[in-house]
Amino acid sequence: MLDKGFWADVEVAGEHLRLFSEHNAQGIQFSVYNVNSKKWIVPSEAVDDIEQGKEKATEYARSYLHYSGRSGHPSELPPLIWKSARSL
């Protein structure tokens, strides 16, 4: 069950990633999902807090897009808008 969480979409050159940072039953984790391929780039990794999870998810997304040839310089990412995730 989700206690608190955030998610953001990144769309660059036809690639669509969804970033997550959340506090759930397993602890505080982040993950990165490729919406196009329906595969996890980073399934779940533990972090110390939600903000660190946002930072780590952003770093992985940036690296993935750079190394997949979808973005130029590794620091290039559109501004992220983090939205609150709701528990069901």
C-alpha atoms as a PDB file:
ATOM      1  CA  MET A   1       0.000   0.000   0.000  1.00  0.00           C
ATOM      2  CA  LEU A   2       1.239   3.438  -0.915  1.00  0.00           C
ATOM      3  CA  ASP A   3       1.770   5.832   1.999  1.00  0.00           C
ATOM      4  CA  LYS A   4       3.107   8.776   0.024  1.00  0.00           C
ATOM      5  CA  GLY A   5       4.463   9.099  -3.468  1.00  0.00           C
ATOM      6  CA  PHE A   6       5.150  11.161  -6.538  1.00  0.00           C
ATOM      7  CA  TRP A   7       5.450  10.470 -10.252  1.00  0.00           C
ATOM      8  CA  ALA A   8       6.550  12.403 -13.335  1.00  0.00           C
ATOM      9  CA  ASP A   9       6.502  11.816 -17.084  1.00  0.00           C
ATOM     10  CA  VAL A  10       9.430  12.463 -19.401  1.00  0.00           C
ATOM     11  CA  GLU A  11       8.888  12.497 -23.157  1.00  0.00           C
ATOM     12  CA  VAL A  12      11.913  13.049 -25.384  1.00  0.00           C
ATOM     13  CA  ALA A  13      12.248  12.202 -29.094  1.00  0.00           C
ATOM     14  CA  GLY A  14       9.454   9.622 -29.015  1.00  0.00           C
ATOM     15  CA  GLU A  15      10.654   7.992 -25.793  1.00  0.00           C
ATOM     16  CA  HIS A  16       8.201   8.089 -22.871  1.00  0.00           C
ATOM     17  CA  LEU A  17       9.445   7.355 -19.350  1.00  0.00           C
ATOM     18  CA  ARG A  18       7.537   7.477 -16.071  1.00  0.00           C
ATOM     19  CA  LEU A  19       9.501   8.198 -12.897  1.00  0.00           C
ATOM     20  CA  PHE A  20       8.337   7.233  -9.417  1.00  0.00           C
ATOM     21  CA  SER A  21       9.442   8.076  -5.887  1.00  0.00           C
ATOM     22  CA  GLU A  22       7.307   6.584  -3.157  1.00  0.00           C
ATOM     23  CA  HIS A  23       6.984   5.397   0.405  1.00  0.00           C
ATOM     24  CA  ASN A  24       5.170   2.071   0.432  1.00  0.00           C
ATOM     25  CA  ALA A  25       5.048  -1.147   2.454  1.00  0.00           C
ATOM     26  CA  GLN A  26       8.584  -2.059   1.315  1.00  0.00           C
ATOM     27  CA  GLY A  27      10.037   1.301   2.411  1.00  0.00           C
ATOM     28  CA  ILE A  28      11.077   4.357   0.427  1.00  0.00           C
ATOM     29  CA  GLN A  29      11.908   3.499  -3.178  1.00  0.00           C
ATOM     30  CA  PHE A  30      12.261   4.970  -6.643  1.00  0.00           C
ATOM     31  CA  SER A  31      11.729   3.381 -10.031  1.00  0.00           C
ATOM     32  CA  VAL A  32      11.769   4.269 -13.728  1.00  0.00           C
ATOM     33  CA  TYR A  33       9.366   2.731 -16.272  1.00  0.00           C
ATOM     34  CA  ASN A  34       9.540   2.823 -20.074  1.00  0.00           C
ATOM     35  CA  VAL A  35       5.940   3.399 -21.163  1.00  0.00           C
ATOM     36  CA  ASN A  36       6.643   2.572 -24.838  1.00  0.00           C
ATOM     37  CA  SER A  37       8.262  -0.822 -24.241  1.00  0.00           C
ATOM     38  CA  LYS A  38       6.253  -1.533 -21.067  1.00  0.00           C
ATOM     39  CA  LYS A  39       9.445  -2.510 -19.231  1.00  0.00           C
ATOM     40  CA  TRP A  40      11.111  -1.310 -16.068  1.00  0.00           C
ATOM     41  CA  ILE A  41      14.424   0.464 -16.511  1.00  0.00           C
ATOM     42  CA  VAL A  42      14.871   0.527 -12.738  1.00  0.00           C
ATOM     43  CA  PRO A  43      12.275  -1.744 -11.044  1.00  0.00           C
ATOM     44  CA  SER A  44      12.672  -0.528  -7.437  1.00  0.00           C
ATOM     45  CA  GLU A  45      15.644   0.721  -5.485  1.00  0.00           C
ATOM     46  CA  ALA A  46      15.726   1.806  -1.884  1.00  0.00           C
ATOM     47  CA  VAL A  47      16.546   5.422  -0.992  1.00  0.00           C
ATOM     48  CA  ASP A  48      16.666   7.445   2.221  1.00  0.00           C
ATOM     49  CA  ASP A  49      13.776   9.793   1.433  1.00  0.00           C
ATOM     50  CA  ILE A  50      11.294  10.843  -1.252  1.00  0.00           C
ATOM     51  CA  GLU A  51      13.448  13.747  -2.465  1.00  0.00           C
ATOM     52  CA  GLN A  52      16.453  11.487  -2.926  1.00  0.00           C
ATOM     53  CA  GLY A  53      14.185   9.124  -4.867  1.00  0.00           C
ATOM     54  CA  LYS A  54      13.156  11.950  -7.208  1.00  0.00           C
ATOM     55  CA  GLU A  55      16.803  12.864  -7.767  1.00  0.00           C
ATOM     56  CA  LYS A  56      17.882   9.267  -8.431  1.00  0.00           C
ATOM     57  CA  ALA A  57      14.953   8.611 -10.801  1.00  0.00           C
ATOM     58  CA  THR A  58      15.833  11.794 -12.699  1.00  0.00           C
ATOM     59  CA  GLU A  59      19.500  10.746 -12.940  1.00  0.00           C
ATOM     60  CA  TYR A  60      18.577   7.305 -14.305  1.00  0.00           C
ATOM     61  CA  ALA A  61      16.127   8.784 -16.821  1.00  0.00           C
ATOM     62  CA  ARG A  62      18.723  11.307 -17.985  1.00  0.00           C
ATOM     63  CA  SER A  63      21.367   8.597 -18.407  1.00  0.00           C
ATOM     64  CA  TYR A  64      18.982   6.212 -20.144  1.00  0.00           C
ATOM     65  CA  LEU A  65      17.878   8.832 -22.662  1.00  0.00           C
ATOM     66  CA  HIS A  66      21.457   9.916 -23.318  1.00  0.00           C
ATOM     67  CA  TYR A  67      22.828   6.415 -23.834  1.00  0.00           C
ATOM     68  CA  SER A  68      19.859   5.331 -25.936  1.00  0.00           C
ATOM     69  CA  GLY A  69      20.612   8.254 -28.255  1.00  0.00           C
ATOM     70  CA  ARG A  70      17.329  10.031 -27.477  1.00  0.00           C
ATOM     71  CA  SER A  71      18.874  13.188 -26.070  1.00  0.00           C
ATOM     72  CA  GLY A  72      22.024  15.143 -26.813  1.00  0.00           C
ATOM     73  CA  HIS A  73      23.971  16.210 -23.765  1.00  0.00           C
ATOM     74  CA  PRO A  74      23.325  14.056 -20.642  1.00  0.00           C
ATOM     75  CA  SER A  75      22.105  17.080 -18.695  1.00  0.00           C
ATOM     76  CA  GLU A  76      19.317  17.798 -21.208  1.00  0.00           C
ATOM     77  CA  LEU A  77      15.882  16.896 -19.857  1.00  0.00           C
ATOM     78  CA  PRO A  78      12.656  18.819 -20.092  1.00  0.00           C
ATOM     79  CA  PRO A  79      11.457  20.308 -16.794  1.00  0.00           C
ATOM     80  CA  LEU A  80       9.839  17.621 -14.651  1.00  0.00           C
ATOM     81  CA  ILE A  81       6.457  18.155 -13.078  1.00  0.00           C
ATOM     82  CA  TRP A  82       6.145  15.827 -10.102  1.00  0.00           C
ATOM     83  CA  LYS A  83       2.558  14.886  -9.304  1.00  0.00           C
ATOM     84  CA  SER A  84       1.259  13.399  -6.103  1.00  0.00           C
ATOM     85  CA  ALA A  85       0.397   9.704  -6.338  1.00  0.00           C
ATOM     86  CA  ARG A  86      -2.694   8.550  -4.531  1.00  0.00           C
ATOM     87  CA  SER A  87      -3.187   5.303  -2.698  1.00  0.00           C
ATOM     88  CA  LEU A  88      -6.220   3.237  -3.689  1.00  0.00           C
END
